[in-house]
Amino acid sequence: MSIAPELLEILACPKCKGDIVLTPQGDGLVCAACARVYPIREDIPIMLIDEAVELARWEAGERQAKS
């Protein structure tokens, strides 16, 4: 199951309120303005600032936020 297009249209970055887009793999939501990725776990977008991963780290394969 993937994120519904209707949901993507209304979701915004919780940090800057900017637009988000789905990652090519469909496992996260990217905010280009903040350079952060919000993970999708079990088909649920985790839209918590503390759970976001820096885009560079995400692209390097790190999928968990730093503690």
PDB file of N, CA and C in Angstrom:
ATOM      1  N   MET A   1       0.850  -1.177   0.000  1.00  0.00           N
ATOM      2  CA  MET A   1       0.000   0.000   0.000  1.00  0.00           C
ATOM      3  C   MET A   1       0.896   1.241   0.000  1.00  0.00           C
ATOM      4  N   SER A   2       0.475   2.278  -0.691  1.00  0.00           N
ATOM      5  CA  SER A   2       1.250   3.511  -0.733  1.00  0.00           C
ATOM      6  C   SER A   2       0.412   4.663  -0.181  1.00  0.00           C
ATOM      7  N   ILE A   3       1.044   5.812  -0.117  1.00  0.00           N
ATOM      8  CA  ILE A   3       0.350   7.003   0.376  1.00  0.00           C
ATOM      9  C   ILE A   3      -0.627   7.485  -0.697  1.00  0.00           C
ATOM     10  N   ALA A   4      -1.836   7.759  -0.298  1.00  0.00           N
ATOM     11  CA  ALA A   4      -2.859   8.228  -1.228  1.00  0.00           C
ATOM     12  C   ALA A   4      -2.485   9.607  -1.767  1.00  0.00           C
ATOM     13  N   PRO A   5      -2.682   9.836  -3.063  1.00  0.00           N
ATOM     14  CA  PRO A   5      -2.373  11.149  -3.642  1.00  0.00           C
ATOM     15  C   PRO A   5      -3.108  12.293  -2.939  1.00  0.00           C
ATOM     16  N   GLU A   6      -4.320  12.039  -2.475  1.00  0.00           N
ATOM     17  CA  GLU A   6      -5.077  13.066  -1.766  1.00  0.00           C
ATOM     18  C   GLU A   6      -4.385  13.464  -0.467  1.00  0.00           C
ATOM     19  N   LEU A   7      -3.784  12.497   0.200  1.00  0.00           N
ATOM     20  CA  LEU A   7      -3.067  12.776   1.446  1.00  0.00           C
ATOM     21  C   LEU A   7      -1.809  13.589   1.160  1.00  0.00           C
ATOM     22  N   LEU A   8      -1.089  13.232   0.102  1.00  0.00           N
ATOM     23  CA  LEU A   8       0.113  13.979  -0.258  1.00  0.00           C
ATOM     24  C   LEU A   8      -0.204  15.439  -0.557  1.00  0.00           C
ATOM     25  N   GLU A   9      -1.361  15.688  -1.118  1.00  0.00           N
ATOM     26  CA  GLU A   9      -1.743  17.058  -1.460  1.00  0.00           C
ATOM     27  C   GLU A   9      -1.943  17.930  -0.222  1.00  0.00           C
ATOM     28  N   ILE A  10      -2.380  17.347   0.884  1.00  0.00           N
ATOM     29  CA  ILE A  10      -2.669  18.155   2.071  1.00  0.00           C
ATOM     30  C   ILE A  10      -1.555  18.138   3.113  1.00  0.00           C
ATOM     31  N   LEU A  11      -0.628  17.196   3.025  1.00  0.00           N
ATOM     32  CA  LEU A  11       0.470  17.149   3.992  1.00  0.00           C
ATOM     33  C   LEU A  11       1.465  18.270   3.723  1.00  0.00           C
ATOM     34  N   ALA A  12       2.035  18.799   4.779  1.00  0.00           N
ATOM     35  CA  ALA A  12       3.067  19.829   4.692  1.00  0.00           C
ATOM     36  C   ALA A  12       4.138  19.523   5.726  1.00  0.00           C
ATOM     37  N   CYS A  13       5.302  20.054   5.510  1.00  0.00           N
ATOM     38  CA  CYS A  13       6.404  19.880   6.456  1.00  0.00           C
ATOM     39  C   CYS A  13       5.997  20.506   7.790  1.00  0.00           C
ATOM     40  N   PRO A  14       6.096  19.765   8.892  1.00  0.00           N
ATOM     41  CA  PRO A  14       5.712  20.338  10.185  1.00  0.00           C
ATOM     42  C   PRO A  14       6.676  21.417  10.678  1.00  0.00           C
ATOM     43  N   LYS A  15       7.888  21.434  10.136  1.00  0.00           N
ATOM     44  CA  LYS A  15       8.874  22.420  10.580  1.00  0.00           C
ATOM     45  C   LYS A  15       8.696  23.763   9.865  1.00  0.00           C
ATOM     46  N   CYS A  16       8.616  23.747   8.521  1.00  0.00           N
ATOM     47  CA  CYS A  16       8.563  25.004   7.772  1.00  0.00           C
ATOM     48  C   CYS A  16       7.239  25.222   7.043  1.00  0.00           C
ATOM     49  N   LYS A  17       6.366  24.228   7.100  1.00  0.00           N
ATOM     50  CA  LYS A  17       5.061  24.264   6.424  1.00  0.00           C
ATOM     51  C   LYS A  17       5.187  24.223   4.897  1.00  0.00           C
ATOM     52  N   GLY A  18       6.359  23.831   4.399  1.00  0.00           N
ATOM     53  CA  GLY A  18       6.596  23.743   2.963  1.00  0.00           C
ATOM     54  C   GLY A  18       6.024  22.472   2.362  1.00  0.00           C
ATOM     55  N   ASP A  19       6.095  22.403   1.036  1.00  0.00           N
ATOM     56  CA  ASP A  19       5.607  21.233   0.309  1.00  0.00           C
ATOM     57  C   ASP A  19       6.527  20.039   0.535  1.00  0.00           C
ATOM     58  N   ILE A  20       5.933  18.869   0.493  1.00  0.00           N
ATOM     59  CA  ILE A  20       6.700  17.635   0.601  1.00  0.00           C
ATOM     60  C   ILE A  20       6.378  16.752  -0.589  1.00  0.00           C
ATOM     61  N   VAL A  21       7.343  15.901  -0.940  1.00  0.00           N
ATOM     62  CA  VAL A  21       7.160  14.956  -2.039  1.00  0.00           C
ATOM     63  C   VAL A  21       7.622  13.579  -1.578  1.00  0.00           C
ATOM     64  N   LEU A  22       7.094  12.581  -2.200  1.00  0.00           N
ATOM     65  CA  LEU A  22       7.441  11.199  -1.894  1.00  0.00           C
ATOM     66  C   LEU A  22       8.836  10.880  -2.421  1.00  0.00           C
ATOM     67  N   THR A  23       9.618  10.121  -1.660  1.00  0.00           N
ATOM     68  CA  THR A  23      10.926   9.678  -2.145  1.00  0.00           C
ATOM     69  C   THR A  23      10.717   8.707  -3.305  1.00  0.00           C
ATOM     70  N   PRO A  24      11.716   8.555  -4.170  1.00  0.00           N
ATOM     71  CA  PRO A  24      11.575   7.618  -5.293  1.00  0.00           C
ATOM     72  C   PRO A  24      11.250   6.186  -4.840  1.00  0.00           C
ATOM     73  N   GLN A  25      11.752   5.783  -3.680  1.00  0.00           N
ATOM     74  CA  GLN A  25      11.490   4.440  -3.162  1.00  0.00           C
ATOM     75  C   GLN A  25      10.146   4.353  -2.458  1.00  0.00           C
ATOM     76  N   GLY A  26       9.516   5.494  -2.182  1.00  0.00           N
ATOM     77  CA  GLY A  26       8.235   5.507  -1.503  1.00  0.00           C
ATOM     78  C   GLY A  26       8.323   5.252  -0.014  1.00  0.00           C
ATOM     79  N   ASP A  27       9.530   5.426   0.563  1.00  0.00           N
ATOM     80  CA  ASP A  27       9.709   5.132   1.985  1.00  0.00           C
ATOM     81  C   ASP A  27       9.855   6.375   2.851  1.00  0.00           C
ATOM     82  N   GLY A  28       9.637   7.544   2.261  1.00  0.00           N
ATOM     83  CA  GLY A  28       9.754   8.768   3.027  1.00  0.00           C
ATOM     84  C   GLY A  28       9.147   9.940   2.282  1.00  0.00           C
ATOM     85  N   LEU A  29       8.993  11.040   3.001  1.00  0.00           N
ATOM     86  CA  LEU A  29       8.471  12.278   2.436  1.00  0.00           C
ATOM     87  C   LEU A  29       9.542  13.344   2.597  1.00  0.00           C
ATOM     88  N   VAL A  30       9.924  13.984   1.501  1.00  0.00           N
ATOM     89  CA  VAL A  30      11.028  14.930   1.482  1.00  0.00           C
ATOM     90  C   VAL A  30      10.526  16.365   1.492  1.00  0.00           C
ATOM     91  N   CYS A  31      11.119  17.168   2.350  1.00  0.00           N
ATOM     92  CA  CYS A  31      10.914  18.618   2.334  1.00  0.00           C
ATOM     93  C   CYS A  31      12.203  19.211   1.776  1.00  0.00           C
ATOM     94  N   ALA A  32      12.147  19.738   0.556  1.00  0.00           N
ATOM     95  CA  ALA A  32      13.338  20.313  -0.071  1.00  0.00           C
ATOM     96  C   ALA A  32      13.807  21.565   0.670  1.00  0.00           C
ATOM     97  N   ALA A  33      12.884  22.348   1.197  1.00  0.00           N
ATOM     98  CA  ALA A  33      13.237  23.587   1.904  1.00  0.00           C
ATOM     99  C   ALA A  33      14.069  23.309   3.158  1.00  0.00           C
ATOM    100  N   CYS A  34      13.702  22.280   3.901  1.00  0.00           N
ATOM    101  CA  CYS A  34      14.403  21.928   5.141  1.00  0.00           C
ATOM    102  C   CYS A  34      15.506  20.898   4.929  1.00  0.00           C
ATOM    103  N   ALA A  35      15.513  20.270   3.755  1.00  0.00           N
ATOM    104  CA  ALA A  35      16.449  19.175   3.454  1.00  0.00           C
ATOM    105  C   ALA A  35      16.301  18.070   4.501  1.00  0.00           C
ATOM    106  N   ARG A  36      15.045  17.700   4.760  1.00  0.00           N
ATOM    107  CA  ARG A  36      14.737  16.635   5.716  1.00  0.00           C
ATOM    108  C   ARG A  36      13.775  15.643   5.082  1.00  0.00           C
ATOM    109  N   VAL A  37      13.859  14.415   5.590  1.00  0.00           N
ATOM    110  CA  VAL A  37      12.959  13.363   5.133  1.00  0.00           C
ATOM    111  C   VAL A  37      12.195  12.832   6.337  1.00  0.00           C
ATOM    112  N   TYR A  38      10.886  12.754   6.177  1.00  0.00           N
ATOM    113  CA  TYR A  38      10.027  12.175   7.203  1.00  0.00           C
ATOM    114  C   TYR A  38       9.746  10.742   6.777  1.00  0.00           C
ATOM    115  N   PRO A  39      10.122   9.757   7.589  1.00  0.00           N
ATOM    116  CA  PRO A  39       9.977   8.364   7.187  1.00  0.00           C
ATOM    117  C   PRO A  39       8.522   7.905   7.110  1.00  0.00           C
ATOM    118  N   ILE A  40       8.309   6.893   6.309  1.00  0.00           N
ATOM    119  CA  ILE A  40       7.014   6.212   6.248  1.00  0.00           C
ATOM    120  C   ILE A  40       7.247   4.814   6.792  1.00  0.00           C
ATOM    121  N   ARG A  41       6.545   4.489   7.856  1.00  0.00           N
ATOM    122  CA  ARG A  41       6.683   3.172   8.489  1.00  0.00           C
ATOM    123  C   ARG A  41       5.321   2.493   8.500  1.00  0.00           C
ATOM    124  N   GLU A  42       5.275   1.292   7.964  1.00  0.00           N
ATOM    125  CA  GLU A  42       4.027   0.513   7.900  1.00  0.00           C
ATOM    126  C   GLU A  42       2.918   1.348   7.263  1.00  0.00           C
ATOM    127  N   ASP A  43       3.271   2.040   6.172  1.00  0.00           N
ATOM    128  CA  ASP A  43       2.347   2.863   5.388  1.00  0.00           C
ATOM    129  C   ASP A  43       1.827   4.090   6.132  1.00  0.00           C
ATOM    130  N   ILE A  44       2.485   4.479   7.222  1.00  0.00           N
ATOM    131  CA  ILE A  44       2.073   5.655   7.992  1.00  0.00           C
ATOM    132  C   ILE A  44       3.192   6.691   7.959  1.00  0.00           C
ATOM    133  N   PRO A  45       2.925   7.894   7.435  1.00  0.00           N
ATOM    134  CA  PRO A  45       3.960   8.929   7.455  1.00  0.00           C
ATOM    135  C   PRO A  45       4.179   9.441   8.881  1.00  0.00           C
ATOM    136  N   ILE A  46       5.427   9.433   9.293  1.00  0.00           N
ATOM    137  CA  ILE A  46       5.791   9.879  10.633  1.00  0.00           C
ATOM    138  C   ILE A  46       6.188  11.353  10.523  1.00  0.00           C
ATOM    139  N   MET A  47       5.232  12.231  10.752  1.00  0.00           N
ATOM    140  CA  MET A  47       5.419  13.659  10.538  1.00  0.00           C
ATOM    141  C   MET A  47       5.808  14.385  11.829  1.00  0.00           C
ATOM    142  N   LEU A  48       6.787  13.850  12.514  1.00  0.00           N
ATOM    143  CA  LEU A  48       7.303  14.444  13.744  1.00  0.00           C
ATOM    144  C   LEU A  48       8.691  15.013  13.457  1.00  0.00           C
ATOM    145  N   ILE A  49       8.929  16.252  13.849  1.00  0.00           N
ATOM    146  CA  ILE A  49      10.211  16.891  13.577  1.00  0.00           C
ATOM    147  C   ILE A  49      11.364  16.076  14.152  1.00  0.00           C
ATOM    148  N   ASP A  50      11.189  15.522  15.338  1.00  0.00           N
ATOM    149  CA  ASP A  50      12.252  14.736  15.975  1.00  0.00           C
ATOM    150  C   ASP A  50      12.547  13.429  15.244  1.00  0.00           C
ATOM    151  N   GLU A  51      11.639  12.953  14.424  1.00  0.00           N
ATOM    152  CA  GLU A  51      11.832  11.712  13.679  1.00  0.00           C
ATOM    153  C   GLU A  51      12.384  11.947  12.276  1.00  0.00           C
ATOM    154  N   ALA A  52      12.461  13.219  11.854  1.00  0.00           N
ATOM    155  CA  ALA A  52      12.973  13.543  10.522  1.00  0.00           C
ATOM    156  C   ALA A  52      14.466  13.243  10.439  1.00  0.00           C
ATOM    157  N   VAL A  53      14.893  12.868   9.244  1.00  0.00           N
ATOM    158  CA  VAL A  53      16.297  12.552   8.986  1.00  0.00           C
ATOM    159  C   VAL A  53      16.815  13.556   7.961  1.00  0.00           C
ATOM    160  N   GLU A  54      18.016  14.066   8.178  1.00  0.00           N
ATOM    161  CA  GLU A  54      18.612  14.983   7.208  1.00  0.00           C
ATOM    162  C   GLU A  54      18.700  14.285   5.862  1.00  0.00           C
ATOM    163  N   LEU A  55      18.411  15.026   4.795  1.00  0.00           N
ATOM    164  CA  LEU A  55      18.365  14.449   3.461  1.00  0.00           C
ATOM    165  C   LEU A  55      19.675  13.764   3.087  1.00  0.00           C
ATOM    166  N   ALA A  56      20.803  14.373   3.391  1.00  0.00           N
ATOM    167  CA  ALA A  56      22.106  13.784   3.066  1.00  0.00           C
ATOM    168  C   ALA A  56      22.298  12.439   3.768  1.00  0.00           C
ATOM    169  N   ARG A  57      21.887  12.353   5.030  1.00  0.00           N
ATOM    170  CA  ARG A  57      22.006  11.093   5.765  1.00  0.00           C
ATOM    171  C   ARG A  57      21.067  10.049   5.184  1.00  0.00           C
ATOM    172  N   TRP A  58      19.840  10.480   4.814  1.00  0.00           N
ATOM    173  CA  TRP A  58      18.862   9.567   4.231  1.00  0.00           C
ATOM    174  C   TRP A  58      19.412   8.963   2.938  1.00  0.00           C
ATOM    175  N   GLU A  59      19.982   9.824   2.093  1.00  0.00           N
ATOM    176  CA  GLU A  59      20.535   9.359   0.820  1.00  0.00           C
ATOM    177  C   GLU A  59      21.741   8.451   1.023  1.00  0.00           C
ATOM    178  N   ALA A  60      22.414   8.592   2.170  1.00  0.00           N
ATOM    179  CA  ALA A  60      23.549   7.734   2.503  1.00  0.00           C
ATOM    180  C   ALA A  60      23.098   6.401   3.091  1.00  0.00           C
ATOM    181  N   GLY A  61      21.789   6.237   3.264  1.00  0.00           N
ATOM    182  CA  GLY A  61      21.270   4.967   3.770  1.00  0.00           C
ATOM    183  C   GLY A  61      20.862   4.965   5.215  1.00  0.00           C
ATOM    184  N   GLU A  62      21.067   6.070   5.918  1.00  0.00           N
ATOM    185  CA  GLU A  62      20.646   6.153   7.317  1.00  0.00           C
ATOM    186  C   GLU A  62      19.171   6.517   7.362  1.00  0.00           C
ATOM    187  N   ARG A  63      18.365   5.679   7.963  1.00  0.00           N
ATOM    188  CA  ARG A  63      16.924   5.882   7.963  1.00  0.00           C
ATOM    189  C   ARG A  63      16.347   6.201   9.328  1.00  0.00           C
ATOM    190  N   GLN A  64      17.205   6.411  10.321  1.00  0.00           N
ATOM    191  CA  GLN A  64      16.737   6.724  11.675  1.00  0.00           C
ATOM    192  C   GLN A  64      17.265   8.078  12.093  1.00  0.00           C
ATOM    193  N   ALA A  65      16.445   8.851  12.799  1.00  0.00           N
ATOM    194  CA  ALA A  65      16.870  10.139  13.328  1.00  0.00           C
ATOM    195  C   ALA A  65      17.933   9.929  14.394  1.00  0.00           C
ATOM    196  N   LYS A  66      18.827  10.895  14.523  1.00  0.00           N
ATOM    197  CA  LYS A  66      19.828  10.823  15.577  1.00  0.00           C
ATOM    198  C   LYS A  66      19.170  11.030  16.918  1.00  0.00           C
ATOM    199  N   SER A  67      19.634  10.302  17.897  1.00  0.00           N
ATOM    200  CA  SER A  67      19.077  10.435  19.251  1.00  0.00           C
ATOM    201  C   SER A  67      19.695  11.568  20.001  1.00  0.00           C
TER     202      SER A  67
END
